[in-house]
Amino acid sequence: MTIPRRSGATTSDHDPHIAVCPKGNRFSLRRIDCPICGPADQKVLGLRGGKHQRWELGVETTIVRCASCGLIFANPFPTAMDPQGLYGDPQAYFQAHELSATIANNRRLAKALLERTGPFPRVLDVGAGRGDFLHAAQLEGIHDLVGLELSSAMASFAQQKFGFEVQTRTVEEFAELNERPFDAIVLNAVLEHVYNPSTFMAAVARVTKPGGWVYIDVPVEPNLLTIVGNASMRLRGKSAVFNLQPTWEPYHVFGYSPRTLDVLMEKHGYTIESVRVHSHPDVRHRGGDVKDHIRSFVATQINRVANLTGLASNMYVWGRRHASVEVSHLSHM
């Protein structure tokens, strides 16, 4: 099924539908156009959330793919009415991410950043979370650091654990005030969460020096797990899909292929310099649920194959801002 392109506003003229997830989070559901392309045909992939999710979490909505750029997203689109409620417990949100291992990974990222920028870069970490990268970067000798994080609970954790004063504002708000551009921007597991990736990347471009770098860690859509999982559902006569994991709460609201990300970045003055597709293969399971253990085991094996075939579920991207693009031009996009 394909939803034809629409003219007019990017949201419907009707009042949004309000949905509540099992954890009590409330979402406004409203139809949207592709935030990268605007009005364009949208192919319906299936349903996600609620009874269409293996743990019956999240809110039920339709998953679509833009026929122009390939962006995958929920439509009607779920906008959290209380975003702080989604990310209010750092320990629970990062329960699958052991802090010392995350810091070790971020130290490798900081070293890779220094190889590109040279010594003493000015670095902005958007979506700083618990402050893992900021701490790791400081350990690697980077001290001109600024962190942004919408969750006040995450920002408080960064302050208490690492002593960082992380700013609780959007990058769009920050770009209006910032006077010194950055050598590098870090978007580590962020882009899949933002509600408007086009305005977000326009703001990122405004605070990046011409010739400066942006690092993006983002899930890949589609990947081998979603391809196999969706095919399995169709064979069983079900309309559920595996895209945009995890949609519960929901956390991930947009899915990017390398081509989709290239379209978005080129639109805002960046060229992709390198893409690495890889993922940690292990899929979490619920203790005591035998069927869930089997599903997790099968999904983990699929992910192992995906890492060998270039169809893994995550990509790590380095992009560079066009040296010829003026900040004043991007500031009005």
Protein backbone atom coordinates (compact mmCIF):
# COMPACT_ATOMS: atom_id res chain seq x y z
CA MET A 1 0.00 0.00 0.00
CA THR A 2 1.27 3.48 -0.90
CA ILE A 3 0.03 6.71 0.64
CA PRO A 4 0.06 9.32 -2.17
CA ARG A 5 1.84 12.61 -1.74
CA ARG A 6 -0.18 15.40 -0.22
CA SER A 7 -0.10 19.12 -0.82
CA GLY A 8 -0.51 21.72 1.89
CA ALA A 9 0.59 21.64 5.52
CA THR A 10 2.99 19.06 6.94
CA THR A 11 0.45 18.04 9.58
CA SER A 12 -3.22 17.27 9.25
CA ASP A 13 -5.86 19.89 9.95
CA HIS A 14 -7.57 17.50 12.39
CA ASP A 15 -6.92 17.34 16.11
CA PRO A 16 -4.24 14.75 16.93
CA HIS A 17 -5.16 11.45 18.51
CA ILE A 18 -3.81 10.94 22.04
CA ALA A 19 -2.42 7.48 22.85
CA VAL A 20 -1.03 6.15 26.14
CA CYS A 21 1.65 3.45 26.32
CA PRO A 22 1.61 0.72 29.02
CA LYS A 23 4.09 2.73 31.08
CA GLY A 24 1.71 5.71 31.18
CA ASN A 25 3.54 7.96 28.70
CA ARG A 26 1.14 10.01 26.56
CA PHE A 27 1.70 10.69 22.86
CA SER A 28 0.10 12.97 20.34
CA LEU A 29 -0.36 11.04 17.07
CA ARG A 30 -0.63 13.14 13.92
CA ARG A 31 0.00 12.53 10.22
CA ILE A 32 3.15 14.16 8.82
CA ASP A 33 5.01 14.53 5.54
CA CYS A 34 8.59 13.32 5.20
CA PRO A 35 10.67 15.88 7.15
CA ILE A 36 13.50 15.57 4.59
CA CYS A 37 11.55 15.66 1.32
CA GLY A 38 8.22 17.23 2.24
CA PRO A 39 5.14 15.88 0.42
CA ALA A 40 6.05 12.55 -1.22
CA ASP A 41 4.52 9.12 -1.63
CA GLN A 42 4.85 6.91 1.46
CA LYS A 43 4.87 3.12 1.27
CA VAL A 44 3.20 1.39 4.22
CA LEU A 45 5.50 -1.26 5.71
CA GLY A 46 3.24 -2.49 8.52
CA LEU A 47 2.29 -1.88 12.14
CA ARG A 48 4.47 -1.45 15.21
CA GLY A 49 3.94 -1.01 18.94
CA GLY A 50 1.27 -2.34 21.30
CA LYS A 51 0.07 -5.80 20.23
CA HIS A 52 2.46 -5.57 17.26
CA GLN A 53 5.54 -5.55 19.52
CA ARG A 54 6.80 -8.76 21.16
CA TRP A 55 6.51 -7.36 24.69
CA GLU A 56 3.33 -5.37 23.84
CA LEU A 57 5.06 -2.09 24.64
CA GLY A 58 4.78 1.34 23.09
CA VAL A 59 1.86 2.83 21.19
CA GLU A 60 0.44 1.25 18.05
CA THR A 61 1.11 3.14 14.83
CA THR A 62 1.77 2.57 11.13
CA ILE A 63 5.35 2.42 9.83
CA VAL A 64 5.99 3.97 6.40
CA ARG A 65 8.93 4.58 4.06
CA CYS A 66 9.31 7.77 2.02
CA ALA A 67 9.34 6.83 -1.67
CA SER A 68 11.74 9.69 -2.43
CA CYS A 69 14.58 9.48 0.13
CA GLY A 70 13.83 6.15 1.86
CA LEU A 71 13.35 7.61 5.35
CA ILE A 72 11.39 5.21 7.57
CA PHE A 73 9.11 6.64 10.23
CA ALA A 74 5.87 6.19 12.15
CA ASN A 75 2.84 7.84 10.56
CA PRO A 76 0.75 8.89 12.42
CA PHE A 77 3.83 10.25 14.15
CA PRO A 78 4.05 9.90 17.97
CA THR A 79 5.16 13.07 19.72
CA ALA A 80 5.73 12.66 23.45
CA MET A 81 3.62 15.03 25.51
CA ASP A 82 6.14 14.79 28.36
CA PRO A 83 9.59 14.10 26.84
CA GLN A 84 11.23 14.23 30.27
CA GLY A 85 9.19 11.19 31.25
CA LEU A 86 10.80 9.09 28.52
CA TYR A 87 14.38 9.74 29.58
CA GLY A 88 13.91 10.49 33.26
CA ASP A 89 15.83 7.50 34.67
CA PRO A 90 19.41 7.29 33.31
CA GLN A 91 20.09 3.98 35.04
CA ALA A 92 16.99 2.33 33.54
CA TYR A 93 17.48 3.83 30.08
CA PHE A 94 21.12 2.69 29.90
CA GLN A 95 20.63 -0.62 31.72
CA ALA A 96 22.05 -2.54 28.74
CA HIS A 97 25.09 -0.24 28.51
CA GLU A 98 27.72 -0.86 31.18
CA LEU A 99 29.34 2.50 31.98
CA SER A 100 33.01 1.48 31.87
CA ALA A 101 32.58 -0.29 28.51
CA THR A 102 30.75 2.74 27.09
CA ILE A 103 33.53 5.06 28.23
CA ALA A 104 36.14 2.77 26.64
CA ASN A 105 34.24 2.89 23.33
CA ASN A 106 33.96 6.66 23.57
CA ARG A 107 37.70 7.00 24.19
CA ARG A 108 38.25 5.25 20.85
CA LEU A 109 35.81 7.69 19.27
CA ALA A 110 37.67 10.64 20.82
CA LYS A 111 40.97 9.34 19.40
CA ALA A 112 39.39 9.00 15.93
CA LEU A 113 38.10 12.56 16.24
CA LEU A 114 41.56 13.89 17.12
CA GLU A 115 43.03 12.11 14.08
CA ARG A 116 40.69 14.19 11.91
CA THR A 117 40.78 17.56 13.67
CA GLY A 118 44.30 17.68 15.07
CA PRO A 119 45.04 18.77 18.65
CA PHE A 120 42.89 21.16 20.71
CA PRO A 121 39.57 20.90 18.84
CA ARG A 122 36.41 22.63 19.97
CA VAL A 123 33.78 19.86 20.23
CA LEU A 124 30.01 19.88 20.70
CA ASP A 125 28.28 16.72 21.98
CA VAL A 126 24.57 16.88 21.10
CA GLY A 127 22.47 14.47 23.13
CA ALA A 128 25.21 14.04 25.70
CA GLY A 129 23.19 11.60 27.82
CA ARG A 130 25.07 10.65 30.99
CA GLY A 131 28.19 12.53 29.86
CA ASP A 132 30.02 9.37 28.76
CA PHE A 133 31.63 10.90 25.67
CA LEU A 134 32.44 14.19 27.40
CA HIS A 135 34.29 12.30 30.13
CA ALA A 136 36.07 10.04 27.62
CA ALA A 137 37.08 13.00 25.46
CA GLN A 138 38.54 14.78 28.46
CA LEU A 139 40.56 11.67 29.30
CA GLU A 140 41.98 11.84 25.76
CA GLY A 141 43.06 15.46 26.21
CA ILE A 142 40.09 17.30 24.66
CA HIS A 143 39.05 20.12 26.97
CA ASP A 144 37.12 22.62 24.82
CA LEU A 145 33.86 20.70 25.20
CA VAL A 146 30.19 21.67 25.24
CA GLY A 147 27.37 19.21 25.93
CA LEU A 148 23.66 19.52 25.15
CA GLU A 149 21.02 17.18 26.59
CA LEU A 150 17.24 17.62 26.71
CA SER A 151 16.75 15.29 29.68
CA SER A 152 17.32 17.14 32.94
CA ALA A 153 17.83 13.79 34.70
CA MET A 154 20.62 12.85 32.27
CA ALA A 155 22.21 16.30 32.67
CA SER A 156 22.10 15.94 36.46
CA PHE A 157 23.79 12.54 36.21
CA ALA A 158 26.59 14.04 34.07
CA GLN A 159 27.07 16.77 36.66
CA GLN A 160 27.11 14.43 39.64
CA LYS A 161 29.18 11.66 38.06
CA PHE A 162 31.67 13.58 35.92
CA GLY A 163 31.34 17.24 36.95
CA PHE A 164 30.11 18.46 33.56
CA GLU A 165 27.65 21.35 33.26
CA VAL A 166 25.57 19.99 30.39
CA GLN A 167 23.14 22.51 28.90
CA THR A 168 19.49 21.42 28.80
CA ARG A 169 18.47 22.99 25.50
CA THR A 170 17.93 21.93 21.91
CA VAL A 171 20.62 22.38 19.30
CA GLU A 172 18.24 24.73 17.48
CA GLU A 173 18.09 26.95 20.58
CA PHE A 174 21.84 26.68 21.10
CA ALA A 175 22.57 27.65 17.47
CA GLU A 176 20.71 30.93 17.93
CA LEU A 177 23.08 31.95 20.73
CA ASN A 178 26.40 30.34 19.79
CA GLU A 179 29.13 32.69 18.50
CA ARG A 180 32.09 30.29 18.16
CA PRO A 181 31.70 27.45 15.63
CA PHE A 182 32.98 23.97 16.43
CA ASP A 183 35.64 21.80 14.81
CA ALA A 184 33.53 18.70 15.36
CA ILE A 185 29.98 17.76 16.34
CA VAL A 186 29.18 14.39 17.93
CA LEU A 187 25.72 12.88 17.33
CA ASN A 188 26.11 9.59 19.17
CA ALA A 189 22.81 7.60 19.08
CA VAL A 190 20.82 10.82 18.70
CA LEU A 191 19.47 11.31 15.18
CA GLU A 192 16.98 8.43 15.41
CA HIS A 193 15.33 10.19 18.38
CA VAL A 194 14.86 13.76 17.07
CA TYR A 195 11.39 14.82 15.93
CA ASN A 196 12.52 16.89 12.94
CA PRO A 197 15.86 15.74 11.49
CA SER A 198 15.93 18.50 8.86
CA THR A 199 15.69 21.46 11.25
CA PHE A 200 18.02 19.58 13.60
CA MET A 201 20.75 19.14 10.96
CA ALA A 202 20.31 22.73 9.78
CA ALA A 203 21.13 23.87 13.34
CA VAL A 204 24.08 21.46 13.54
CA ALA A 205 25.44 22.94 10.30
CA ARG A 206 25.15 26.46 11.68
CA VAL A 207 27.51 25.66 14.57
CA THR A 208 30.04 23.66 12.49
CA LYS A 209 33.10 25.35 11.02
CA PRO A 210 33.45 25.15 7.23
CA GLY A 211 35.56 22.03 6.76
CA GLY A 212 34.57 20.82 10.23
CA TRP A 213 33.47 17.28 11.08
CA VAL A 214 30.28 15.61 12.22
CA TYR A 215 30.19 12.09 13.66
CA ILE A 216 26.90 10.18 13.51
CA ASP A 217 26.13 6.84 15.16
CA VAL A 218 22.64 5.78 14.01
CA PRO A 219 20.70 2.55 13.34
CA VAL A 220 20.44 1.34 9.72
CA GLU A 221 17.01 0.77 8.20
CA PRO A 222 16.47 -1.69 6.63
CA ASN A 223 18.91 -4.28 7.99
CA LEU A 224 19.05 -8.08 7.88
CA LEU A 225 17.03 -8.46 11.08
CA THR A 226 14.19 -6.26 9.83
CA ILE A 227 14.27 -7.91 6.39
CA VAL A 228 14.05 -11.44 7.81
CA GLY A 229 11.64 -10.47 10.58
CA ASN A 230 9.25 -8.62 8.26
CA ALA A 231 9.29 -11.49 5.76
CA SER A 232 8.51 -13.93 8.57
CA MET A 233 5.55 -11.83 9.66
CA ARG A 234 4.16 -11.67 6.12
CA LEU A 235 4.45 -15.45 5.73
CA ARG A 236 2.45 -15.83 8.94
CA GLY A 237 -0.21 -13.41 7.70
CA LYS A 238 0.64 -10.75 10.29
CA SER A 239 0.96 -7.01 9.71
CA ALA A 240 3.60 -6.35 12.38
CA VAL A 241 7.07 -5.14 11.33
CA PHE A 242 10.44 -5.01 13.08
CA ASN A 243 11.46 -1.54 11.90
CA LEU A 244 12.31 1.29 14.29
CA GLN A 245 13.41 -0.83 17.21
CA PRO A 246 12.84 0.01 19.94
CA THR A 247 9.51 1.76 19.34
CA TRP A 248 8.37 1.08 22.88
CA GLU A 249 8.00 4.26 24.87
CA PRO A 250 8.76 5.08 21.80
CA TYR A 251 12.41 5.94 21.52
CA HIS A 252 13.39 5.54 17.86
CA VAL A 253 11.11 7.52 15.57
CA PHE A 254 13.13 7.68 12.32
CA GLY A 255 15.12 5.04 10.42
CA TYR A 256 17.97 5.90 8.02
CA SER A 257 19.70 4.03 5.24
CA PRO A 258 23.12 5.26 4.09
CA ARG A 259 21.39 6.83 1.06
CA THR A 260 18.79 8.58 3.24
CA LEU A 261 21.47 9.97 5.52
CA ASP A 262 23.46 11.14 2.50
CA VAL A 263 20.40 13.06 1.21
CA LEU A 264 19.85 14.69 4.61
CA MET A 265 23.50 15.65 5.08
CA GLU A 266 23.98 16.96 1.55
CA LYS A 267 20.85 19.08 2.00
CA HIS A 268 22.55 20.83 4.91
CA GLY A 269 26.04 21.24 3.51
CA TYR A 270 27.86 18.03 4.47
CA THR A 271 29.61 15.33 2.49
CA ILE A 272 29.86 11.82 3.92
CA GLU A 273 33.53 10.84 4.12
CA SER A 274 33.18 7.31 5.53
CA VAL A 275 30.49 4.80 6.55
CA ARG A 276 31.04 1.68 8.67
CA VAL A 277 28.09 -0.71 9.05
CA HIS A 278 28.33 -2.97 12.11
CA SER A 279 26.41 -3.74 15.30
CA HIS A 280 26.67 -5.53 18.61
CA PRO A 281 24.89 -8.81 17.79
CA ASP A 282 23.34 -9.72 21.14
CA VAL A 283 19.57 -9.19 21.45
CA ARG A 284 18.14 -8.84 24.94
CA HIS A 285 15.62 -11.33 26.30
CA ARG A 286 13.32 -11.59 29.27
CA GLY A 287 14.37 -14.00 31.97
CA GLY A 288 12.11 -17.02 32.43
CA ASP A 289 10.33 -16.61 29.09
CA VAL A 290 11.46 -19.61 27.00
CA LYS A 291 9.89 -18.34 23.77
CA ASP A 292 11.55 -14.98 24.22
CA HIS A 293 14.91 -16.70 24.82
CA ILE A 294 14.49 -18.53 21.50
CA ARG A 295 13.56 -15.33 19.66
CA SER A 296 16.58 -13.56 21.15
CA PHE A 297 18.89 -16.42 20.18
CA VAL A 298 17.63 -16.47 16.58
CA ALA A 299 17.86 -12.67 16.30
CA THR A 300 21.42 -12.74 17.66
CA GLN A 301 22.48 -15.28 15.03
CA ILE A 302 20.88 -13.14 12.31
CA ASN A 303 22.84 -10.17 13.58
CA ARG A 304 26.09 -12.16 13.47
CA VAL A 305 25.43 -12.98 9.82
CA ALA A 306 24.51 -9.35 9.20
CA ASN A 307 27.93 -8.22 10.43
CA LEU A 308 29.54 -10.51 7.87
CA THR A 309 27.36 -9.40 4.97
CA GLY A 310 27.21 -5.62 5.40
CA LEU A 311 23.57 -5.74 6.51
CA ALA A 312 24.11 -4.96 10.20
CA SER A 313 21.77 -2.71 12.14
CA ASN A 314 24.05 0.23 12.93
CA MET A 315 26.22 2.64 10.97
CA TYR A 316 29.05 4.90 12.07
CA VAL A 317 29.45 7.89 9.81
CA TRP A 318 31.98 10.69 9.48
CA GLY A 319 30.82 13.68 7.47
CA ARG A 320 32.52 16.94 6.62
CA ARG A 321 30.94 20.34 6.17
CA HIS A 322 31.49 21.92 2.78
CA ALA A 323 34.25 24.49 3.05
CA SER A 324 32.46 26.79 0.61
CA VAL A 325 29.12 26.90 2.49
CA GLU A 326 28.54 30.09 4.44
CA VAL A 327 27.07 29.95 7.95
CA SER A 328 24.71 32.83 7.13
CA HIS A 329 23.22 30.80 4.25
CA LEU A 330 22.43 27.79 6.44
CA SER A 331 21.10 29.92 9.28
CA HIS A 332 17.92 30.63 7.32
CA MET A 333 17.17 27.06 6.16
